[in-house]
Amino acid sequence: MAQAGREGRPCAVRARRKQRRRHAQRRAHRLALDHVLRRPGRPHGADDQRRDAVRPQGGGVSFFWITTRAAGSVALAASSVSVCVGLVLSGRLVRGRRNDLRTAHEALALATLAALAVHVVSLLADSFFHPSILDVTVPFVSGYRQPWMSIGIVSGWGLAILGLTYYARDRIGQDRWRRLHRWTALAWLGGLVHSLGIGTDNGRMWFLAMAGIVAVPALALLVQRFSGTSQDSLTAP
């Protein structure tokens, strides 16, 4: 027994040393990657070190971190186009193909909700950032990049709840539902602010180009809508 214990100790020591080396390599890789990706003028704090999580094997950016970023970009694009279509319909800017536009509006709204769900679930699954459920569902619980994080949470809930009220509009009442649905534009604006304020890719040209292409038309239609050009209510078919 004693001899077996003595023989086992070197193995345990070697295993601990190997584990310490792996931890050191992971930390060095994380810091090096964060230094490369850090944008000028941003403080090099603990929160920024979490921005681009590294796989435990140290082989690159986490799959779930990439997924949450991609899903967030898809949600921004789909919601922006959905807002555009809804404003075009409610402002009666087109006379034909309204049924097709209604179908597209509903499909884009559902795509937004699906992308938001993937955005949150993949963030929860990320092994390095590792937030709790409360961190990503309740405003101001997380200490990460406030107030942008909380703006995103409130906006996400707003888009989800207001979007799903479409299927309860008969219970709510058409007039009440139309008034309620006006707040969807505000929830979308919050999502846009969240993306530009906290998004990992918000300094990259491809993201800015994509955001501009989908958001500028929606913003222009909103300005037109609330400037008195059209007196119709914001509605969603």
Protein backbone atom coordinates (compact mmCIF):
# COMPACT_ATOMS: atom_id res chain seq x y z
CA MET A 1 0.00 0.00 0.00
CA ALA A 2 2.77 2.43 0.98
CA GLN A 3 4.72 1.64 -2.18
CA ALA A 4 1.63 2.12 -4.30
CA GLY A 5 1.06 5.48 -2.62
CA ARG A 6 4.65 6.57 -3.32
CA GLU A 7 4.30 5.52 -6.95
CA GLY A 8 1.02 7.41 -7.29
CA ARG A 9 2.38 10.69 -5.90
CA PRO A 10 4.69 11.49 -8.86
CA CYS A 11 1.78 10.94 -11.23
CA ALA A 12 -0.39 13.30 -9.23
CA VAL A 13 2.37 15.92 -9.13
CA ARG A 14 2.89 15.65 -12.87
CA ALA A 15 -0.86 15.99 -13.45
CA ARG A 16 -1.02 19.12 -11.28
CA ARG A 17 1.96 20.65 -13.05
CA LYS A 18 0.41 19.89 -16.42
CA GLN A 19 -2.87 21.45 -15.32
CA ARG A 20 -1.07 24.59 -14.07
CA ARG A 21 0.75 24.90 -17.40
CA ARG A 22 -2.54 24.61 -19.28
CA HIS A 23 -4.11 27.31 -17.10
CA ALA A 24 -1.12 29.59 -17.69
CA GLN A 25 -1.28 29.01 -21.45
CA ARG A 26 -5.01 29.76 -21.53
CA ARG A 27 -4.56 32.97 -19.58
CA ALA A 28 -1.69 34.10 -21.79
CA HIS A 29 -3.72 33.33 -24.90
CA ARG A 30 -6.75 35.22 -23.56
CA LEU A 31 -4.69 38.29 -22.70
CA ALA A 32 -2.86 38.23 -26.02
CA LEU A 33 -6.08 37.89 -28.00
CA ASP A 34 -7.77 40.62 -26.01
CA HIS A 35 -4.79 42.93 -26.55
CA VAL A 36 -4.97 42.40 -30.30
CA LEU A 37 -8.73 42.94 -30.51
CA ARG A 38 -8.92 45.81 -28.03
CA ARG A 39 -10.04 48.97 -29.75
CA PRO A 40 -8.09 52.20 -29.14
CA GLY A 41 -9.29 54.37 -26.30
CA ARG A 42 -11.11 51.62 -24.42
CA PRO A 43 -9.80 50.78 -20.93
CA HIS A 44 -8.19 47.39 -20.65
CA GLY A 45 -10.35 46.13 -17.78
CA ALA A 46 -11.68 42.78 -16.68
CA ASP A 47 -14.89 43.26 -18.64
CA ASP A 48 -13.01 43.84 -21.88
CA GLN A 49 -10.94 40.72 -21.25
CA ARG A 50 -14.21 38.77 -21.43
CA ARG A 51 -15.15 40.23 -24.77
CA ASP A 52 -13.64 37.51 -26.93
CA ALA A 53 -13.66 34.32 -24.90
CA VAL A 54 -11.14 31.59 -25.68
CA ARG A 55 -11.93 27.91 -25.83
CA PRO A 56 -10.55 25.87 -22.93
CA GLN A 57 -8.18 24.19 -25.37
CA GLY A 58 -6.82 27.60 -26.32
CA GLY A 59 -7.66 26.97 -29.97
CA GLY A 60 -9.43 30.22 -30.82
CA VAL A 61 -12.59 32.15 -30.16
CA SER A 62 -15.38 30.26 -28.41
CA PHE A 63 -18.05 28.73 -30.65
CA PHE A 64 -20.80 30.01 -28.37
CA TRP A 65 -19.29 33.50 -28.26
CA ILE A 66 -19.27 33.64 -32.07
CA THR A 67 -22.82 32.27 -32.12
CA THR A 68 -24.18 34.89 -29.73
CA ARG A 69 -22.54 37.65 -31.76
CA ALA A 70 -23.92 36.29 -35.03
CA ALA A 71 -27.40 35.85 -33.56
CA GLY A 72 -27.35 39.40 -32.22
CA SER A 73 -26.45 40.73 -35.66
CA VAL A 74 -29.23 38.67 -37.26
CA ALA A 75 -31.73 39.95 -34.68
CA LEU A 76 -30.72 43.54 -35.41
CA ALA A 77 -31.05 43.06 -39.17
CA ALA A 78 -34.36 41.17 -39.02
CA SER A 79 -35.96 43.56 -36.54
CA SER A 80 -34.85 46.59 -38.56
CA VAL A 81 -36.35 45.27 -41.78
CA SER A 82 -39.48 44.22 -39.88
CA VAL A 83 -39.88 47.75 -38.54
CA CYS A 84 -39.44 49.12 -42.07
CA VAL A 85 -42.12 46.83 -43.47
CA GLY A 86 -44.49 47.60 -40.59
CA LEU A 87 -44.07 51.34 -41.08
CA VAL A 88 -44.60 51.04 -44.82
CA LEU A 89 -47.81 49.11 -44.21
CA SER A 90 -49.15 51.35 -41.47
CA GLY A 91 -48.33 54.49 -43.42
CA ARG A 92 -50.04 53.09 -46.50
CA LEU A 93 -47.00 53.88 -48.60
CA VAL A 94 -47.81 50.99 -50.92
CA ARG A 95 -51.17 50.04 -52.37
CA GLY A 96 -50.55 46.60 -53.81
CA ARG A 97 -49.12 43.37 -52.40
CA ARG A 98 -50.13 44.28 -48.86
CA ASN A 99 -50.86 40.66 -48.00
CA ASP A 100 -47.35 39.69 -49.08
CA LEU A 101 -45.91 42.49 -46.98
CA ARG A 102 -47.94 41.38 -43.96
CA THR A 103 -46.59 37.86 -44.35
CA ALA A 104 -43.03 39.18 -44.65
CA HIS A 105 -43.53 41.40 -41.60
CA GLU A 106 -44.73 38.48 -39.48
CA ALA A 107 -41.93 36.21 -40.71
CA LEU A 108 -39.29 38.83 -39.93
CA ALA A 109 -40.76 39.37 -36.47
CA LEU A 110 -40.61 35.64 -35.74
CA ALA A 111 -37.06 35.48 -37.12
CA THR A 112 -36.13 38.28 -34.74
CA LEU A 113 -37.52 36.37 -31.76
CA ALA A 114 -35.69 33.19 -32.81
CA ALA A 115 -32.41 35.08 -33.20
CA LEU A 116 -32.88 36.72 -29.79
CA ALA A 117 -33.43 33.30 -28.21
CA VAL A 118 -30.23 31.95 -29.79
CA HIS A 119 -28.42 35.13 -28.73
CA VAL A 120 -29.32 34.59 -25.07
CA VAL A 121 -28.95 30.79 -24.93
CA SER A 122 -25.55 30.78 -26.61
CA LEU A 123 -24.37 33.49 -24.22
CA LEU A 124 -25.45 31.34 -21.28
CA ALA A 125 -23.57 28.38 -22.79
CA ASP A 126 -20.31 30.27 -23.19
CA SER A 127 -17.85 28.71 -20.74
CA PHE A 128 -15.66 31.78 -20.32
CA PHE A 129 -18.16 34.63 -19.96
CA HIS A 130 -20.48 32.26 -18.03
CA PRO A 131 -23.32 34.62 -16.99
CA SER A 132 -26.23 33.50 -14.86
CA ILE A 133 -29.80 33.43 -16.13
CA LEU A 134 -30.55 36.52 -14.06
CA ASP A 135 -27.57 38.32 -15.62
CA VAL A 136 -29.11 38.09 -19.08
CA THR A 137 -32.80 38.38 -18.23
CA VAL A 138 -33.05 40.98 -15.44
CA PRO A 139 -31.82 44.56 -15.98
CA PHE A 140 -28.92 45.85 -13.85
CA VAL A 141 -28.17 42.46 -12.25
CA SER A 142 -25.02 41.96 -14.31
CA GLY A 143 -22.08 44.27 -13.77
CA TYR A 144 -20.98 43.84 -17.37
CA ARG A 145 -20.92 46.96 -19.56
CA GLN A 146 -23.81 48.89 -18.06
CA PRO A 147 -26.10 50.53 -19.06
CA TRP A 148 -25.84 48.89 -22.50
CA MET A 149 -26.46 45.41 -21.12
CA SER A 150 -29.67 46.46 -19.36
CA ILE A 151 -30.89 48.42 -22.39
CA GLY A 152 -30.53 45.23 -24.42
CA ILE A 153 -32.41 43.16 -21.84
CA VAL A 154 -35.32 45.61 -21.64
CA SER A 155 -35.44 45.91 -25.43
CA GLY A 156 -35.34 42.14 -25.90
CA TRP A 157 -38.25 41.63 -23.52
CA GLY A 158 -40.11 44.45 -25.24
CA LEU A 159 -39.67 42.95 -28.70
CA ALA A 160 -40.67 39.50 -27.46
CA ILE A 161 -43.77 40.56 -25.51
CA LEU A 162 -45.01 43.15 -28.00
CA GLY A 163 -44.35 40.85 -30.93
CA LEU A 164 -46.30 37.97 -29.42
CA THR A 165 -49.28 40.19 -28.57
CA TYR A 166 -50.10 40.01 -32.29
CA TYR A 167 -51.46 36.51 -31.66
CA ALA A 168 -53.62 37.79 -28.78
CA ARG A 169 -54.96 40.90 -30.50
CA ASP A 170 -58.53 39.57 -30.56
CA ARG A 171 -58.45 39.19 -26.78
CA ILE A 172 -56.72 42.53 -26.27
CA GLY A 173 -58.89 44.39 -28.75
CA GLN A 174 -57.72 45.74 -32.09
CA ASP A 175 -57.61 49.41 -31.08
CA ARG A 176 -55.84 48.72 -27.79
CA TRP A 177 -53.41 46.38 -29.53
CA ARG A 178 -52.55 49.02 -32.15
CA ARG A 179 -51.77 51.56 -29.44
CA LEU A 180 -49.70 48.99 -27.57
CA HIS A 181 -47.83 47.95 -30.69
CA ARG A 182 -46.49 51.48 -31.19
CA TRP A 183 -43.98 50.74 -28.44
CA THR A 184 -42.32 48.14 -30.68
CA ALA A 185 -40.44 50.96 -32.41
CA LEU A 186 -39.02 52.08 -29.05
CA ALA A 187 -37.95 48.52 -28.22
CA TRP A 188 -36.22 48.30 -31.60
CA LEU A 189 -34.41 51.60 -30.96
CA GLY A 190 -33.22 50.21 -27.64
CA GLY A 191 -31.89 47.13 -29.40
CA LEU A 192 -30.02 49.33 -31.86
CA VAL A 193 -28.48 51.34 -29.01
CA HIS A 194 -27.53 48.09 -27.26
CA SER A 195 -25.83 46.76 -30.39
CA LEU A 196 -23.84 49.93 -30.97
CA GLY A 197 -22.95 50.34 -27.30
CA ILE A 198 -21.94 46.84 -26.23
CA GLY A 199 -21.52 44.79 -29.40
CA THR A 200 -18.13 43.18 -29.84
CA ASP A 201 -18.25 43.95 -33.55
CA ASN A 202 -19.52 47.52 -33.26
CA GLY A 203 -16.16 48.93 -34.35
CA ARG A 204 -15.83 46.77 -37.43
CA MET A 205 -16.69 48.15 -40.85
CA TRP A 206 -18.82 45.19 -41.91
CA PHE A 207 -21.04 45.59 -38.85
CA LEU A 208 -21.37 49.35 -39.23
CA ALA A 209 -22.21 48.92 -42.91
CA MET A 210 -24.83 46.27 -42.14
CA ALA A 211 -26.35 48.33 -39.32
CA GLY A 212 -26.47 51.41 -41.53
CA ILE A 213 -28.11 49.60 -44.43
CA VAL A 214 -30.93 48.18 -42.30
CA ALA A 215 -31.30 50.86 -39.62
CA VAL A 216 -31.13 54.12 -41.57
CA PRO A 217 -34.27 53.40 -43.66
CA ALA A 218 -36.16 52.40 -40.50
CA LEU A 219 -35.03 55.58 -38.73
CA ALA A 220 -36.06 57.70 -41.72
CA LEU A 221 -39.51 56.11 -41.76
CA LEU A 222 -39.85 56.66 -38.01
CA VAL A 223 -38.97 60.34 -38.38
CA GLN A 224 -41.51 60.65 -41.18
CA ARG A 225 -44.07 58.79 -39.13
CA PHE A 226 -43.80 60.98 -36.05
CA SER A 227 -43.15 64.27 -37.80
CA GLY A 228 -46.77 64.65 -38.77
CA THR A 229 -46.35 63.48 -42.37
CA SER A 230 -48.71 60.61 -41.62
CA GLN A 231 -51.35 60.52 -38.89
CA ASP A 232 -51.99 56.80 -39.05
CA SER A 233 -51.19 54.62 -36.07
CA LEU A 234 -48.21 52.34 -36.11
CA THR A 235 -49.75 48.97 -36.78
CA ALA A 236 -48.46 45.51 -37.48
CA PRO A 237 -50.53 43.15 -39.57
